[in-house]
Amino acid sequence: MVDPKHLREQARRCRGRSKTATEPDLIEQFRIWSVELADEADTVERRAVNGETHRSSGRRGLSRRLIAKKRRAGRGI
């Protein structure tokens, strides 16, 4: 299961990077990722409270793609 604390930490990092980035496209991308990661953390917590499991869906793959993009952006690729 995905840890909501980890997702919130990633969202916090994206918010921090959006404040230090100088290119408008990067600022916007980090802002989008921070919102999406925080939303995913909310979803994970809500499912945990409701006793649901994380369904294998397109969202899961989307999250992995976002994390990979974020890593590439952090390395300047």
N, C-alpha and C. Protein backbone atom coordinates (compact mmCIF):
# COMPACT_ATOMS: atom_id res chain seq x y z
N MET A 1 0.84 -1.19 0.00
CA MET A 1 0.00 0.00 0.00
C MET A 1 0.88 1.25 0.00
N VAL A 2 0.41 2.26 -0.64
CA VAL A 2 1.13 3.52 -0.71
C VAL A 2 0.98 4.24 0.63
N ASP A 3 2.08 4.78 1.11
CA ASP A 3 2.08 5.48 2.39
C ASP A 3 1.68 6.95 2.18
N PRO A 4 0.59 7.39 2.80
CA PRO A 4 0.17 8.79 2.60
C PRO A 4 1.19 9.79 3.14
N LYS A 5 1.96 9.41 4.15
CA LYS A 5 3.00 10.31 4.66
C LYS A 5 4.06 10.55 3.60
N HIS A 6 4.42 9.49 2.89
CA HIS A 6 5.41 9.62 1.82
C HIS A 6 4.88 10.52 0.70
N LEU A 7 3.61 10.31 0.34
CA LEU A 7 3.01 11.14 -0.71
C LEU A 7 2.97 12.61 -0.28
N ARG A 8 2.65 12.87 0.97
CA ARG A 8 2.61 14.26 1.46
C ARG A 8 4.01 14.88 1.48
N GLU A 9 5.01 14.06 1.80
CA GLU A 9 6.39 14.55 1.78
C GLU A 9 6.79 14.91 0.34
N GLN A 10 6.42 14.07 -0.61
CA GLN A 10 6.71 14.37 -2.01
C GLN A 10 5.99 15.65 -2.45
N ALA A 11 4.75 15.82 -2.01
CA ALA A 11 3.99 17.03 -2.35
C ALA A 11 4.69 18.26 -1.76
N ARG A 12 5.17 18.14 -0.53
CA ARG A 12 5.87 19.25 0.12
C ARG A 12 7.14 19.60 -0.66
N ARG A 13 7.86 18.59 -1.10
CA ARG A 13 9.08 18.84 -1.89
C ARG A 13 8.77 19.55 -3.20
N CYS A 14 7.69 19.12 -3.85
CA CYS A 14 7.29 19.78 -5.10
C CYS A 14 6.92 21.24 -4.86
N ARG A 15 6.21 21.51 -3.76
CA ARG A 15 5.86 22.91 -3.45
C ARG A 15 7.13 23.72 -3.22
N GLY A 16 8.09 23.15 -2.51
CA GLY A 16 9.35 23.85 -2.27
C GLY A 16 10.10 24.13 -3.57
N ARG A 17 10.14 23.14 -4.43
CA ARG A 17 10.83 23.33 -5.71
C ARG A 17 10.11 24.32 -6.61
N SER A 18 8.78 24.37 -6.50
CA SER A 18 8.05 25.34 -7.32
C SER A 18 8.37 26.76 -6.90
N LYS A 19 8.75 26.93 -5.64
CA LYS A 19 9.09 28.27 -5.14
C LYS A 19 10.51 28.69 -5.51
N THR A 20 11.37 27.71 -5.81
CA THR A 20 12.75 28.04 -6.15
C THR A 20 13.04 27.94 -7.65
N ALA A 21 12.14 27.32 -8.40
CA ALA A 21 12.33 27.18 -9.85
C ALA A 21 12.21 28.56 -10.51
N THR A 22 12.90 28.70 -11.63
CA THR A 22 12.88 29.98 -12.33
C THR A 22 12.11 29.92 -13.65
N GLU A 23 11.96 28.71 -14.21
CA GLU A 23 11.25 28.57 -15.47
C GLU A 23 9.75 28.40 -15.20
N PRO A 24 8.91 29.19 -15.86
CA PRO A 24 7.46 29.11 -15.64
C PRO A 24 6.87 27.70 -15.83
N ASP A 25 7.37 26.97 -16.84
CA ASP A 25 6.85 25.62 -17.07
C ASP A 25 7.16 24.70 -15.90
N LEU A 26 8.36 24.80 -15.36
CA LEU A 26 8.72 23.97 -14.21
C LEU A 26 7.92 24.36 -12.97
N ILE A 27 7.73 25.64 -12.77
CA ILE A 27 6.94 26.10 -11.62
C ILE A 27 5.55 25.50 -11.69
N GLU A 28 4.93 25.57 -12.85
CA GLU A 28 3.58 25.04 -13.03
C GLU A 28 3.56 23.53 -12.85
N GLN A 29 4.55 22.82 -13.40
CA GLN A 29 4.58 21.36 -13.29
C GLN A 29 4.74 20.93 -11.83
N PHE A 30 5.63 21.57 -11.10
CA PHE A 30 5.79 21.24 -9.68
C PHE A 30 4.50 21.53 -8.90
N ARG A 31 3.81 22.61 -9.26
CA ARG A 31 2.55 22.93 -8.59
C ARG A 31 1.51 21.85 -8.86
N ILE A 32 1.43 21.41 -10.10
CA ILE A 32 0.48 20.36 -10.47
C ILE A 32 0.80 19.08 -9.72
N TRP A 33 2.07 18.69 -9.70
CA TRP A 33 2.45 17.47 -8.99
C TRP A 33 2.13 17.56 -7.50
N SER A 34 2.37 18.72 -6.91
CA SER A 34 2.11 18.84 -5.47
C SER A 34 0.62 18.64 -5.17
N VAL A 35 -0.24 19.18 -6.02
CA VAL A 35 -1.68 19.02 -5.82
C VAL A 35 -2.08 17.56 -6.05
N GLU A 36 -1.58 16.94 -7.12
CA GLU A 36 -1.93 15.56 -7.41
C GLU A 36 -1.45 14.60 -6.33
N LEU A 37 -0.23 14.82 -5.83
CA LEU A 37 0.29 13.96 -4.77
C LEU A 37 -0.51 14.12 -3.48
N ALA A 38 -0.88 15.34 -3.14
CA ALA A 38 -1.69 15.57 -1.94
C ALA A 38 -3.07 14.92 -2.11
N ASP A 39 -3.64 15.02 -3.30
CA ASP A 39 -4.93 14.37 -3.56
C ASP A 39 -4.81 12.85 -3.43
N GLU A 40 -3.73 12.30 -3.95
CA GLU A 40 -3.52 10.85 -3.84
C GLU A 40 -3.37 10.43 -2.37
N ALA A 41 -2.68 11.24 -1.58
CA ALA A 41 -2.55 10.94 -0.14
C ALA A 41 -3.92 10.96 0.52
N ASP A 42 -4.75 11.93 0.17
CA ASP A 42 -6.11 11.99 0.71
C ASP A 42 -6.90 10.73 0.34
N THR A 43 -6.76 10.30 -0.91
CA THR A 43 -7.47 9.11 -1.38
C THR A 43 -7.02 7.87 -0.62
N VAL A 44 -5.72 7.73 -0.43
CA VAL A 44 -5.19 6.58 0.30
C VAL A 44 -5.71 6.58 1.74
N GLU A 45 -5.68 7.74 2.38
CA GLU A 45 -6.17 7.82 3.76
C GLU A 45 -7.67 7.52 3.83
N ARG A 46 -8.42 8.04 2.89
CA ARG A 46 -9.87 7.81 2.88
C ARG A 46 -10.17 6.33 2.70
N ARG A 47 -9.44 5.68 1.81
CA ARG A 47 -9.64 4.24 1.59
C ARG A 47 -9.25 3.44 2.83
N ALA A 48 -8.21 3.86 3.51
CA ALA A 48 -7.80 3.16 4.73
C ALA A 48 -8.89 3.26 5.80
N VAL A 49 -9.48 4.44 5.93
CA VAL A 49 -10.54 4.65 6.91
C VAL A 49 -11.76 3.81 6.55
N ASN A 50 -12.06 3.73 5.26
CA ASN A 50 -13.24 2.98 4.79
C ASN A 50 -12.96 1.49 4.64
N GLY A 51 -11.72 1.06 4.88
CA GLY A 51 -11.38 -0.36 4.77
C GLY A 51 -11.23 -0.84 3.35
N GLU A 52 -11.04 0.07 2.41
CA GLU A 52 -10.87 -0.31 1.01
C GLU A 52 -9.40 -0.54 0.72
N THR A 53 -9.13 -1.31 -0.32
CA THR A 53 -7.75 -1.51 -0.76
C THR A 53 -7.49 -0.64 -1.97
N HIS A 54 -6.23 -0.40 -2.24
CA HIS A 54 -5.85 0.40 -3.41
C HIS A 54 -6.07 -0.46 -4.65
N ARG A 55 -6.99 -0.07 -5.46
CA ARG A 55 -7.30 -0.82 -6.67
C ARG A 55 -6.22 -0.59 -7.72
N SER A 56 -5.90 -1.64 -8.42
CA SER A 56 -4.95 -1.50 -9.52
C SER A 56 -5.68 -0.86 -10.69
N SER A 57 -5.42 0.41 -10.90
CA SER A 57 -6.12 1.15 -11.95
C SER A 57 -5.14 2.04 -12.68
N GLY A 58 -5.67 2.82 -13.60
CA GLY A 58 -4.85 3.76 -14.34
C GLY A 58 -4.21 4.79 -13.43
N ARG A 59 -4.88 5.13 -12.32
CA ARG A 59 -4.32 6.12 -11.40
C ARG A 59 -2.99 5.66 -10.84
N ARG A 60 -2.88 4.36 -10.54
CA ARG A 60 -1.64 3.87 -9.98
C ARG A 60 -0.50 4.05 -10.97
N GLY A 61 -0.74 3.69 -12.23
CA GLY A 61 0.26 3.89 -13.26
C GLY A 61 0.57 5.36 -13.48
N LEU A 62 -0.46 6.19 -13.38
CA LEU A 62 -0.27 7.63 -13.54
C LEU A 62 0.66 8.15 -12.45
N SER A 63 0.47 7.71 -11.22
CA SER A 63 1.32 8.16 -10.13
C SER A 63 2.77 7.79 -10.38
N ARG A 64 3.00 6.58 -10.86
CA ARG A 64 4.37 6.16 -11.15
C ARG A 64 4.99 7.01 -12.25
N ARG A 65 4.19 7.33 -13.26
CA ARG A 65 4.71 8.19 -14.34
C ARG A 65 5.03 9.57 -13.81
N LEU A 66 4.19 10.11 -12.93
CA LEU A 66 4.44 11.43 -12.37
C LEU A 66 5.71 11.45 -11.54
N ILE A 67 5.92 10.40 -10.76
CA ILE A 67 7.12 10.33 -9.94
C ILE A 67 8.35 10.24 -10.83
N ALA A 68 8.27 9.46 -11.90
CA ALA A 68 9.41 9.36 -12.82
C ALA A 68 9.69 10.71 -13.47
N LYS A 69 8.65 11.42 -13.88
CA LYS A 69 8.85 12.75 -14.48
C LYS A 69 9.47 13.70 -13.47
N LYS A 70 9.02 13.63 -12.23
CA LYS A 70 9.54 14.51 -11.20
C LYS A 70 11.03 14.26 -10.97
N ARG A 71 11.40 12.98 -10.97
CA ARG A 71 12.81 12.63 -10.79
C ARG A 71 13.65 13.17 -11.94
N ARG A 72 13.13 13.00 -13.17
CA ARG A 72 13.87 13.52 -14.32
C ARG A 72 14.00 15.02 -14.26
N ALA A 73 12.93 15.70 -13.84
CA ALA A 73 12.97 17.16 -13.74
C ALA A 73 13.98 17.61 -12.69
N GLY A 74 14.08 16.86 -11.61
CA GLY A 74 15.03 17.21 -10.55
C GLY A 74 16.47 17.05 -10.99
N ARG A 75 16.70 16.15 -11.94
CA ARG A 75 18.06 15.93 -12.45
C ARG A 75 18.37 16.81 -13.65
N GLY A 76 17.37 17.56 -14.11
CA GLY A 76 17.59 18.45 -15.25
C GLY A 76 17.55 17.75 -16.57
N ILE A 77 16.90 16.58 -16.63
CA ILE A 77 16.83 15.81 -17.89
C ILE A 77 15.63 16.29 -18.68
